[in-house]
Amino acid sequence: MSSALLSVSAVAESLGLSPDHVIYYGRDKAKVSAEALATAPRGGRLVLVSAITPTPAGEGKTTVSIGLAQGLKATGRRVALALRQPSMGPVFGRKGGATG
């Protein structure tokens, strides 16, 4: 199975974000301005994965969160996943803070 990264602007567009509400930090990072909340559609859901006992293989919150987002997306829902301090950085080819 292969995959290709979408551009940050493509992800923002798929979420219905106005270009005025996206603050870019390089080619692969962005923040969404708080002003975007005023125009956000209502009725969304929040799933918070805050604690889990990892498996012996090391599958924990990050892995479960990614799988949950992929599963919800497969059912046709619009999904946005925010990982705070993921420890899977080396697995995904990322370096820097909070990458384990």
PDB file of N, CA and C in Angstrom:
ATOM      1  N   MET A   1       0.845  -1.171   0.000  1.00  0.00           N
ATOM      2  CA  MET A   1       0.000   0.000   0.000  1.00  0.00           C
ATOM      3  C   MET A   1       0.891   1.233   0.000  1.00  0.00           C
ATOM      4  N   SER A   2       0.617   2.150  -0.888  1.00  0.00           N
ATOM      5  CA  SER A   2       1.392   3.384  -0.929  1.00  0.00           C
ATOM      6  C   SER A   2       0.468   4.567  -0.685  1.00  0.00           C
ATOM      7  N   SER A   3       1.070   5.645  -0.305  1.00  0.00           N
ATOM      8  CA  SER A   3       0.285   6.849  -0.050  1.00  0.00           C
ATOM      9  C   SER A   3       1.112   8.065  -0.439  1.00  0.00           C
ATOM     10  N   ALA A   4       0.412   9.142  -0.667  1.00  0.00           N
ATOM     11  CA  ALA A   4       1.077  10.399  -0.999  1.00  0.00           C
ATOM     12  C   ALA A   4       0.575  11.470  -0.045  1.00  0.00           C
ATOM     13  N   LEU A   5       1.480  12.314   0.408  1.00  0.00           N
ATOM     14  CA  LEU A   5       1.091  13.395   1.304  1.00  0.00           C
ATOM     15  C   LEU A   5       0.311  14.455   0.543  1.00  0.00           C
ATOM     16  N   LEU A   6      -0.744  14.930   1.154  1.00  0.00           N
ATOM     17  CA  LEU A   6      -1.483  16.064   0.606  1.00  0.00           C
ATOM     18  C   LEU A   6      -0.812  17.343   1.081  1.00  0.00           C
ATOM     19  N   SER A   7      -0.931  18.379   0.307  1.00  0.00           N
ATOM     20  CA  SER A   7      -0.397  19.669   0.745  1.00  0.00           C
ATOM     21  C   SER A   7      -1.258  20.198   1.891  1.00  0.00           C
ATOM     22  N   VAL A   8      -0.680  21.056   2.696  1.00  0.00           N
ATOM     23  CA  VAL A   8      -1.420  21.643   3.810  1.00  0.00           C
ATOM     24  C   VAL A   8      -2.626  22.416   3.284  1.00  0.00           C
ATOM     25  N   SER A   9      -2.450  23.103   2.167  1.00  0.00           N
ATOM     26  CA  SER A   9      -3.576  23.866   1.613  1.00  0.00           C
ATOM     27  C   SER A   9      -4.699  22.942   1.148  1.00  0.00           C
ATOM     28  N   ALA A  10      -4.365  21.758   0.624  1.00  0.00           N
ATOM     29  CA  ALA A  10      -5.398  20.801   0.208  1.00  0.00           C
ATOM     30  C   ALA A  10      -6.162  20.267   1.416  1.00  0.00           C
ATOM     31  N   VAL A  11      -5.449  20.008   2.503  1.00  0.00           N
ATOM     32  CA  VAL A  11      -6.109  19.535   3.726  1.00  0.00           C
ATOM     33  C   VAL A  11      -7.024  20.624   4.275  1.00  0.00           C
ATOM     34  N   ALA A  12      -6.530  21.853   4.315  1.00  0.00           N
ATOM     35  CA  ALA A  12      -7.342  22.973   4.812  1.00  0.00           C
ATOM     36  C   ALA A  12      -8.597  23.140   3.969  1.00  0.00           C
ATOM     37  N   GLU A  13      -8.454  23.027   2.659  1.00  0.00           N
ATOM     38  CA  GLU A  13      -9.607  23.165   1.764  1.00  0.00           C
ATOM     39  C   GLU A  13     -10.613  22.041   1.997  1.00  0.00           C
ATOM     40  N   SER A  14     -10.118  20.808   2.207  1.00  0.00           N
ATOM     41  CA  SER A  14     -11.029  19.681   2.430  1.00  0.00           C
ATOM     42  C   SER A  14     -11.803  19.826   3.738  1.00  0.00           C
ATOM     43  N   LEU A  15     -11.252  20.592   4.669  1.00  0.00           N
ATOM     44  CA  LEU A  15     -11.935  20.844   5.939  1.00  0.00           C
ATOM     45  C   LEU A  15     -12.834  22.074   5.871  1.00  0.00           C
ATOM     46  N   GLY A  16     -12.857  22.732   4.724  1.00  0.00           N
ATOM     47  CA  GLY A  16     -13.702  23.907   4.557  1.00  0.00           C
ATOM     48  C   GLY A  16     -13.136  25.165   5.172  1.00  0.00           C
ATOM     49  N   LEU A  17     -11.822  25.200   5.369  1.00  0.00           N
ATOM     50  CA  LEU A  17     -11.188  26.379   5.970  1.00  0.00           C
ATOM     51  C   LEU A  17     -10.893  27.428   4.906  1.00  0.00           C
ATOM     52  N   SER A  18     -11.172  28.656   5.218  1.00  0.00           N
ATOM     53  CA  SER A  18     -10.844  29.772   4.340  1.00  0.00           C
ATOM     54  C   SER A  18      -9.329  29.974   4.355  1.00  0.00           C
ATOM     55  N   PRO A  19      -8.731  30.296   3.215  1.00  0.00           N
ATOM     56  CA  PRO A  19      -7.284  30.568   3.201  1.00  0.00           C
ATOM     57  C   PRO A  19      -6.878  31.668   4.184  1.00  0.00           C
ATOM     58  N   ASP A  20      -7.807  32.568   4.496  1.00  0.00           N
ATOM     59  CA  ASP A  20      -7.508  33.638   5.454  1.00  0.00           C
ATOM     60  C   ASP A  20      -7.330  33.115   6.875  1.00  0.00           C
ATOM     61  N   HIS A  21      -7.820  31.912   7.153  1.00  0.00           N
ATOM     62  CA  HIS A  21      -7.762  31.356   8.502  1.00  0.00           C
ATOM     63  C   HIS A  21      -6.604  30.384   8.711  1.00  0.00           C
ATOM     64  N   VAL A  22      -5.798  30.170   7.675  1.00  0.00           N
ATOM     65  CA  VAL A  22      -4.686  29.224   7.765  1.00  0.00           C
ATOM     66  C   VAL A  22      -3.378  30.002   7.803  1.00  0.00           C
ATOM     67  N   ILE A  23      -2.565  29.730   8.823  1.00  0.00           N
ATOM     68  CA  ILE A  23      -1.276  30.394   8.994  1.00  0.00           C
ATOM     69  C   ILE A  23      -0.201  29.342   8.725  1.00  0.00           C
ATOM     70  N   TYR A  24       0.528  29.503   7.639  1.00  0.00           N
ATOM     71  CA  TYR A  24       1.501  28.499   7.207  1.00  0.00           C
ATOM     72  C   TYR A  24       2.842  28.676   7.910  1.00  0.00           C
ATOM     73  N   TYR A  25       3.450  27.549   8.252  1.00  0.00           N
ATOM     74  CA  TYR A  25       4.793  27.497   8.836  1.00  0.00           C
ATOM     75  C   TYR A  25       5.597  26.524   7.989  1.00  0.00           C
ATOM     76  N   GLY A  26       6.155  26.996   6.906  1.00  0.00           N
ATOM     77  CA  GLY A  26       6.880  26.123   5.991  1.00  0.00           C
ATOM     78  C   GLY A  26       5.920  25.400   5.058  1.00  0.00           C
ATOM     79  N   ARG A  27       6.416  24.320   4.448  1.00  0.00           N
ATOM     80  CA  ARG A  27       5.620  23.598   3.456  1.00  0.00           C
ATOM     81  C   ARG A  27       4.676  22.568   4.056  1.00  0.00           C
ATOM     82  N   ASP A  28       4.989  22.087   5.260  1.00  0.00           N
ATOM     83  CA  ASP A  28       4.194  20.971   5.777  1.00  0.00           C
ATOM     84  C   ASP A  28       3.590  21.212   7.158  1.00  0.00           C
ATOM     85  N   LYS A  29       3.512  22.469   7.563  1.00  0.00           N
ATOM     86  CA  LYS A  29       2.915  22.790   8.866  1.00  0.00           C
ATOM     87  C   LYS A  29       2.059  24.036   8.738  1.00  0.00           C
ATOM     88  N   ALA A  30       1.002  24.085   9.546  1.00  0.00           N
ATOM     89  CA  ALA A  30       0.143  25.273   9.572  1.00  0.00           C
ATOM     90  C   ALA A  30      -0.642  25.285  10.865  1.00  0.00           C
ATOM     91  N   LYS A  31      -1.100  26.454  11.222  1.00  0.00           N
ATOM     92  CA  LYS A  31      -2.012  26.617  12.350  1.00  0.00           C
ATOM     93  C   LYS A  31      -3.296  27.224  11.820  1.00  0.00           C
ATOM     94  N   VAL A  32      -4.387  26.963  12.521  1.00  0.00           N
ATOM     95  CA  VAL A  32      -5.680  27.525  12.150  1.00  0.00           C
ATOM     96  C   VAL A  32      -5.975  28.651  13.129  1.00  0.00           C
ATOM     97  N   SER A  33      -6.318  29.810  12.605  1.00  0.00           N
ATOM     98  CA  SER A  33      -6.594  30.953  13.475  1.00  0.00           C
ATOM     99  C   SER A  33      -7.875  30.714  14.269  1.00  0.00           C
ATOM    100  N   ALA A  34      -7.949  31.313  15.430  1.00  0.00           N
ATOM    101  CA  ALA A  34      -9.135  31.180  16.282  1.00  0.00           C
ATOM    102  C   ALA A  34     -10.373  31.771  15.610  1.00  0.00           C
ATOM    103  N   GLU A  35     -10.168  32.699  14.684  1.00  0.00           N
ATOM    104  CA  GLU A  35     -11.293  33.307  13.966  1.00  0.00           C
ATOM    105  C   GLU A  35     -12.069  32.281  13.141  1.00  0.00           C
ATOM    106  N   ALA A  36     -11.438  31.174  12.802  1.00  0.00           N
ATOM    107  CA  ALA A  36     -12.109  30.140  12.007  1.00  0.00           C
ATOM    108  C   ALA A  36     -13.273  29.520  12.772  1.00  0.00           C
ATOM    109  N   LEU A  37     -13.224  29.567  14.091  1.00  0.00           N
ATOM    110  CA  LEU A  37     -14.313  28.995  14.896  1.00  0.00           C
ATOM    111  C   LEU A  37     -15.635  29.706  14.662  1.00  0.00           C
ATOM    112  N   ALA A  38     -15.569  30.992  14.362  1.00  0.00           N
ATOM    113  CA  ALA A  38     -16.795  31.772  14.153  1.00  0.00           C
ATOM    114  C   ALA A  38     -17.561  31.308  12.920  1.00  0.00           C
ATOM    115  N   THR A  39     -16.837  30.769  11.932  1.00  0.00           N
ATOM    116  CA  THR A  39     -17.489  30.330  10.700  1.00  0.00           C
ATOM    117  C   THR A  39     -17.605  28.815  10.601  1.00  0.00           C
ATOM    118  N   ALA A  40     -17.160  28.108  11.627  1.00  0.00           N
ATOM    119  CA  ALA A  40     -17.194  26.639  11.593  1.00  0.00           C
ATOM    120  C   ALA A  40     -18.622  26.125  11.693  1.00  0.00           C
ATOM    121  N   PRO A  41     -18.928  25.069  10.936  1.00  0.00           N
ATOM    122  CA  PRO A  41     -20.267  24.489  11.049  1.00  0.00           C
ATOM    123  C   PRO A  41     -20.476  23.875  12.428  1.00  0.00           C
ATOM    124  N   ARG A  42     -21.676  23.934  12.917  1.00  0.00           N
ATOM    125  CA  ARG A  42     -22.002  23.376  14.233  1.00  0.00           C
ATOM    126  C   ARG A  42     -22.377  21.906  14.097  1.00  0.00           C
ATOM    127  N   GLY A  43     -22.393  21.222  15.207  1.00  0.00           N
ATOM    128  CA  GLY A  43     -22.838  19.831  15.209  1.00  0.00           C
ATOM    129  C   GLY A  43     -21.719  18.819  15.068  1.00  0.00           C
ATOM    130  N   GLY A  44     -20.468  19.269  15.131  1.00  0.00           N
ATOM    131  CA  GLY A  44     -19.352  18.339  15.046  1.00  0.00           C
ATOM    132  C   GLY A  44     -19.209  17.536  16.331  1.00  0.00           C
ATOM    133  N   ARG A  45     -18.378  16.531  16.267  1.00  0.00           N
ATOM    134  CA  ARG A  45     -18.132  15.681  17.427  1.00  0.00           C
ATOM    135  C   ARG A  45     -16.647  15.736  17.775  1.00  0.00           C
ATOM    136  N   LEU A  46     -16.345  15.526  19.027  1.00  0.00           N
ATOM    137  CA  LEU A  46     -14.965  15.485  19.497  1.00  0.00           C
ATOM    138  C   LEU A  46     -14.736  14.144  20.167  1.00  0.00           C
ATOM    139  N   VAL A  47     -13.700  13.452  19.741  1.00  0.00           N
ATOM    140  CA  VAL A  47     -13.284  12.214  20.392  1.00  0.00           C
ATOM    141  C   VAL A  47     -11.907  12.489  20.972  1.00  0.00           C
ATOM    142  N   LEU A  48     -11.775  12.341  22.269  1.00  0.00           N
ATOM    143  CA  LEU A  48     -10.515  12.618  22.946  1.00  0.00           C
ATOM    144  C   LEU A  48      -9.923  11.309  23.447  1.00  0.00           C
ATOM    145  N   VAL A  49      -8.739  10.987  22.969  1.00  0.00           N
ATOM    146  CA  VAL A  49      -8.017   9.803  23.439  1.00  0.00           C
ATOM    147  C   VAL A  49      -6.973  10.324  24.413  1.00  0.00           C
ATOM    148  N   SER A  50      -7.264  10.214  25.702  1.00  0.00           N
ATOM    149  CA  SER A  50      -6.401  10.857  26.691  1.00  0.00           C
ATOM    150  C   SER A  50      -5.540   9.897  27.501  1.00  0.00           C
ATOM    151  N   ALA A  51      -5.907   8.645  27.570  1.00  0.00           N
ATOM    152  CA  ALA A  51      -5.124   7.697  28.360  1.00  0.00           C
ATOM    153  C   ALA A  51      -5.359   6.294  27.827  1.00  0.00           C
ATOM    154  N   ILE A  52      -4.309   5.511  27.826  1.00  0.00           N
ATOM    155  CA  ILE A  52      -4.404   4.132  27.361  1.00  0.00           C
ATOM    156  C   ILE A  52      -3.201   3.377  27.916  1.00  0.00           C
ATOM    157  N   THR A  53      -3.370   2.112  28.159  1.00  0.00           N
ATOM    158  CA  THR A  53      -2.250   1.265  28.541  1.00  0.00           C
ATOM    159  C   THR A  53      -1.682   0.676  27.259  1.00  0.00           C
ATOM    160  N   PRO A  54      -0.440   0.996  26.919  1.00  0.00           N
ATOM    161  CA  PRO A  54       0.106   0.512  25.651  1.00  0.00           C
ATOM    162  C   PRO A  54       0.239  -1.009  25.624  1.00  0.00           C
ATOM    163  N   THR A  55       0.173  -1.556  24.422  1.00  0.00           N
ATOM    164  CA  THR A  55       0.383  -2.991  24.245  1.00  0.00           C
ATOM    165  C   THR A  55       1.875  -3.269  24.366  1.00  0.00           C
ATOM    166  N   PRO A  56       2.268  -4.534  24.504  1.00  0.00           N
ATOM    167  CA  PRO A  56       3.700  -4.851  24.547  1.00  0.00           C
ATOM    168  C   PRO A  56       4.450  -4.385  23.294  1.00  0.00           C
ATOM    169  N   ALA A  57       3.740  -4.270  22.176  1.00  0.00           N
ATOM    170  CA  ALA A  57       4.373  -3.812  20.934  1.00  0.00           C
ATOM    171  C   ALA A  57       4.517  -2.295  20.894  1.00  0.00           C
ATOM    172  N   GLY A  58       4.000  -1.599  21.905  1.00  0.00           N
ATOM    173  CA  GLY A  58       4.143  -0.152  21.966  1.00  0.00           C
ATOM    174  C   GLY A  58       3.002   0.625  21.347  1.00  0.00           C
ATOM    175  N   GLU A  59       1.915  -0.048  20.999  1.00  0.00           N
ATOM    176  CA  GLU A  59       0.767   0.653  20.425  1.00  0.00           C
ATOM    177  C   GLU A  59       0.030   1.369  21.542  1.00  0.00           C
ATOM    178  N   GLY A  60      -0.057   2.679  21.421  1.00  0.00           N
ATOM    179  CA  GLY A  60      -0.694   3.480  22.459  1.00  0.00           C
ATOM    180  C   GLY A  60      -1.645   4.499  21.873  1.00  0.00           C
ATOM    181  N   LYS A  61      -1.675   5.683  22.493  1.00  0.00           N
ATOM    182  CA  LYS A  61      -2.640   6.725  22.104  1.00  0.00           C
ATOM    183  C   LYS A  61      -2.467   7.181  20.656  1.00  0.00           C
ATOM    184  N   THR A  62      -1.236   7.370  20.228  1.00  0.00           N
ATOM    185  CA  THR A  62      -1.013   7.856  18.866  1.00  0.00           C
ATOM    186  C   THR A  62      -1.519   6.853  17.839  1.00  0.00           C
ATOM    187  N   THR A  63      -1.145   5.592  18.007  1.00  0.00           N
ATOM    188  CA  THR A  63      -1.570   4.555  17.068  1.00  0.00           C
ATOM    189  C   THR A  63      -3.078   4.390  17.075  1.00  0.00           C
ATOM    190  N   VAL A  64      -3.687   4.377  18.248  1.00  0.00           N
ATOM    191  CA  VAL A  64      -5.145   4.246  18.352  1.00  0.00           C
ATOM    192  C   VAL A  64      -5.835   5.445  17.715  1.00  0.00           C
ATOM    193  N   SER A  65      -5.319   6.645  17.951  1.00  0.00           N
ATOM    194  CA  SER A  65      -5.921   7.857  17.389  1.00  0.00           C
ATOM    195  C   SER A  65      -5.868   7.853  15.865  1.00  0.00           C
ATOM    196  N   ILE A  66      -4.733   7.451  15.304  1.00  0.00           N
ATOM    197  CA  ILE A  66      -4.599   7.388  13.846  1.00  0.00           C
ATOM    198  C   ILE A  66      -5.563   6.355  13.271  1.00  0.00           C
ATOM    199  N   GLY A  67      -5.630   5.184  13.893  1.00  0.00           N
ATOM    200  CA  GLY A  67      -6.555   4.151  13.430  1.00  0.00           C
ATOM    201  C   GLY A  67      -8.005   4.591  13.534  1.00  0.00           C
ATOM    202  N   LEU A  68      -8.348   5.272  14.606  1.00  0.00           N
ATOM    203  CA  LEU A  68      -9.710   5.773  14.792  1.00  0.00           C
ATOM    204  C   LEU A  68     -10.059   6.800  13.712  1.00  0.00           C
ATOM    205  N   ALA A  69      -9.141   7.707  13.428  1.00  0.00           N
ATOM    206  CA  ALA A  69      -9.380   8.707  12.384  1.00  0.00           C
ATOM    207  C   ALA A  69      -9.534   8.046  11.018  1.00  0.00           C
ATOM    208  N   GLN A  70      -8.690   7.063  10.722  1.00  0.00           N
ATOM    209  CA  GLN A  70      -8.790   6.359   9.444  1.00  0.00           C
ATOM    210  C   GLN A  70     -10.115   5.607   9.337  1.00  0.00           C
ATOM    211  N   GLY A  71     -10.537   4.983  10.430  1.00  0.00           N
ATOM    212  CA  GLY A  71     -11.805   4.258  10.428  1.00  0.00           C
ATOM    213  C   GLY A  71     -12.997   5.174  10.228  1.00  0.00           C
ATOM    214  N   LEU A  72     -13.004   6.308  10.910  1.00  0.00           N
ATOM    215  CA  LEU A  72     -14.100   7.267  10.742  1.00  0.00           C
ATOM    216  C   LEU A  72     -14.124   7.821   9.321  1.00  0.00           C
ATOM    217  N   LYS A  73     -12.951   8.096   8.771  1.00  0.00           N
ATOM    218  CA  LYS A  73     -12.868   8.598   7.395  1.00  0.00           C
ATOM    219  C   LYS A  73     -13.409   7.556   6.413  1.00  0.00           C
ATOM    220  N   ALA A  74     -13.123   6.282   6.675  1.00  0.00           N
ATOM    221  CA  ALA A  74     -13.596   5.206   5.798  1.00  0.00           C
ATOM    222  C   ALA A  74     -15.118   5.098   5.791  1.00  0.00           C
ATOM    223  N   THR A  75     -15.774   5.604   6.837  1.00  0.00           N
ATOM    224  CA  THR A  75     -17.238   5.582   6.876  1.00  0.00           C
ATOM    225  C   THR A  75     -17.845   6.807   6.203  1.00  0.00           C
ATOM    226  N   GLY A  76     -16.996   7.671   5.637  1.00  0.00           N
ATOM    227  CA  GLY A  76     -17.486   8.836   4.908  1.00  0.00           C
ATOM    228  C   GLY A  76     -17.583  10.109   5.722  1.00  0.00           C
ATOM    229  N   ARG A  77     -17.114  10.081   6.948  1.00  0.00           N
ATOM    230  CA  ARG A  77     -17.164  11.288   7.776  1.00  0.00           C
ATOM    231  C   ARG A  77     -15.982  12.199   7.461  1.00  0.00           C
ATOM    232  N   ARG A  78     -16.179  13.499   7.690  1.00  0.00           N
ATOM    233  CA  ARG A  78     -15.065  14.450   7.590  1.00  0.00           C
ATOM    234  C   ARG A  78     -14.293  14.370   8.895  1.00  0.00           C
ATOM    235  N   VAL A  79     -13.003  14.177   8.804  1.00  0.00           N
ATOM    236  CA  VAL A  79     -12.186  13.919   9.989  1.00  0.00           C
ATOM    237  C   VAL A  79     -10.973  14.841  10.003  1.00  0.00           C
ATOM    238  N   ALA A  80     -10.677  15.374  11.166  1.00  0.00           N
ATOM    239  CA  ALA A  80      -9.428  16.102  11.396  1.00  0.00           C
ATOM    240  C   ALA A  80      -8.807  15.517  12.653  1.00  0.00           C
ATOM    241  N   LEU A  81      -7.535  15.178  12.590  1.00  0.00           N
ATOM    242  CA  LEU A  81      -6.841  14.582  13.727  1.00  0.00           C
ATOM    243  C   LEU A  81      -5.718  15.511  14.156  1.00  0.00           C
ATOM    244  N   ALA A  82      -5.673  15.818  15.425  1.00  0.00           N
ATOM    245  CA  ALA A  82      -4.591  16.629  15.980  1.00  0.00           C
ATOM    246  C   ALA A  82      -3.850  15.785  17.000  1.00  0.00           C
ATOM    247  N   LEU A  83      -2.571  15.563  16.757  1.00  0.00           N
ATOM    248  CA  LEU A  83      -1.732  14.810  17.687  1.00  0.00           C
ATOM    249  C   LEU A  83      -0.822  15.793  18.396  1.00  0.00           C
ATOM    250  N   ARG A  84      -0.914  15.807  19.695  1.00  0.00           N
ATOM    251  CA  ARG A  84      -0.043  16.673  20.475  1.00  0.00           C
ATOM    252  C   ARG A  84       1.093  15.835  21.017  1.00  0.00           C
ATOM    253  N   GLN A  85       2.288  16.192  20.695  1.00  0.00           N
ATOM    254  CA  GLN A  85       3.494  15.493  21.115  1.00  0.00           C
ATOM    255  C   GLN A  85       3.454  14.008  20.774  1.00  0.00           C
ATOM    256  N   PRO A  86       3.267  13.669  19.498  1.00  0.00           N
ATOM    257  CA  PRO A  86       3.269  12.257  19.131  1.00  0.00           C
ATOM    258  C   PRO A  86       4.669  11.671  19.277  1.00  0.00           C
ATOM    259  N   SER A  87       4.753  10.441  19.715  1.00  0.00           N
ATOM    260  CA  SER A  87       6.051   9.793  19.872  1.00  0.00           C
ATOM    261  C   SER A  87       6.379   8.917  18.674  1.00  0.00           C
ATOM    262  N   MET A  88       5.571   8.973  17.637  1.00  0.00           N
ATOM    263  CA  MET A  88       5.780   8.142  16.461  1.00  0.00           C
ATOM    264  C   MET A  88       6.564   8.873  15.374  1.00  0.00           C
ATOM    265  N   GLY A  89       7.147  10.018  15.690  1.00  0.00           N
ATOM    266  CA  GLY A  89       7.878  10.801  14.702  1.00  0.00           C
ATOM    267  C   GLY A  89       8.881  10.001  13.888  1.00  0.00           C
ATOM    268  N   PRO A  90       9.756   9.219  14.531  1.00  0.00           N
ATOM    269  CA  PRO A  90      10.727   8.451  13.754  1.00  0.00           C
ATOM    270  C   PRO A  90      10.072   7.452  12.793  1.00  0.00           C
ATOM    271  N   VAL A  91       8.941   6.900  13.173  1.00  0.00           N
ATOM    272  CA  VAL A  91       8.239   5.953  12.310  1.00  0.00           C
ATOM    273  C   VAL A  91       7.749   6.647  11.047  1.00  0.00           C
ATOM    274  N   PHE A  92       7.317   7.908  11.196  1.00  0.00           N
ATOM    275  CA  PHE A  92       6.785   8.657  10.066  1.00  0.00           C
ATOM    276  C   PHE A  92       7.850   9.506   9.376  1.00  0.00           C
ATOM    277  N   GLY A  93       9.122   9.310   9.727  1.00  0.00           N
ATOM    278  CA  GLY A  93      10.200  10.036   9.075  1.00  0.00           C
ATOM    279  C   GLY A  93      10.328  11.483   9.508  1.00  0.00           C
ATOM    280  N   ARG A  94       9.946  11.795  10.737  1.00  0.00           N
ATOM    281  CA  ARG A  94      10.023  13.165  11.249  1.00  0.00           C
ATOM    282  C   ARG A  94      11.071  13.236  12.347  1.00  0.00           C
ATOM    283  N   LYS A  95      11.695  14.398  12.467  1.00  0.00           N
ATOM    284  CA  LYS A  95      12.649  14.647  13.539  1.00  0.00           C
ATOM    285  C   LYS A  95      12.173  15.836  14.342  1.00  0.00           C
ATOM    286  N   GLY A  96      12.743  16.009  15.513  1.00  0.00           N
ATOM    287  CA  GLY A  96      12.441  17.195  16.301  1.00  0.00           C
ATOM    288  C   GLY A  96      11.794  16.853  17.620  1.00  0.00           C
ATOM    289  N   GLY A  97      11.288  17.904  18.292  1.00  0.00           N
ATOM    290  CA  GLY A  97      10.672  17.728  19.593  1.00  0.00           C
ATOM    291  C   GLY A  97       9.499  16.778  19.551  1.00  0.00           C
ATOM    292  N   ALA A  98       9.342  16.028  20.607  1.00  0.00           N
ATOM    293  CA  ALA A  98       8.219  15.116  20.793  1.00  0.00           C
ATOM    294  C   ALA A  98       8.191  13.997  19.762  1.00  0.00           C
ATOM    295  N   THR A  99       9.351  13.559  19.291  1.00  0.00           N
ATOM    296  CA  THR A  99       9.364  12.445  18.349  1.00  0.00           C
ATOM    297  C   THR A  99       9.976  11.201  18.980  1.00  0.00           C
ATOM    298  N   GLY A 100       9.854  11.099  20.266  1.00  0.00           N
ATOM    299  CA  GLY A 100      10.280   9.888  20.941  1.00  0.00           C
ATOM    300  C   GLY A 100      11.711   9.935  21.333  1.00  0.00           C
TER     301      GLY A 100
END
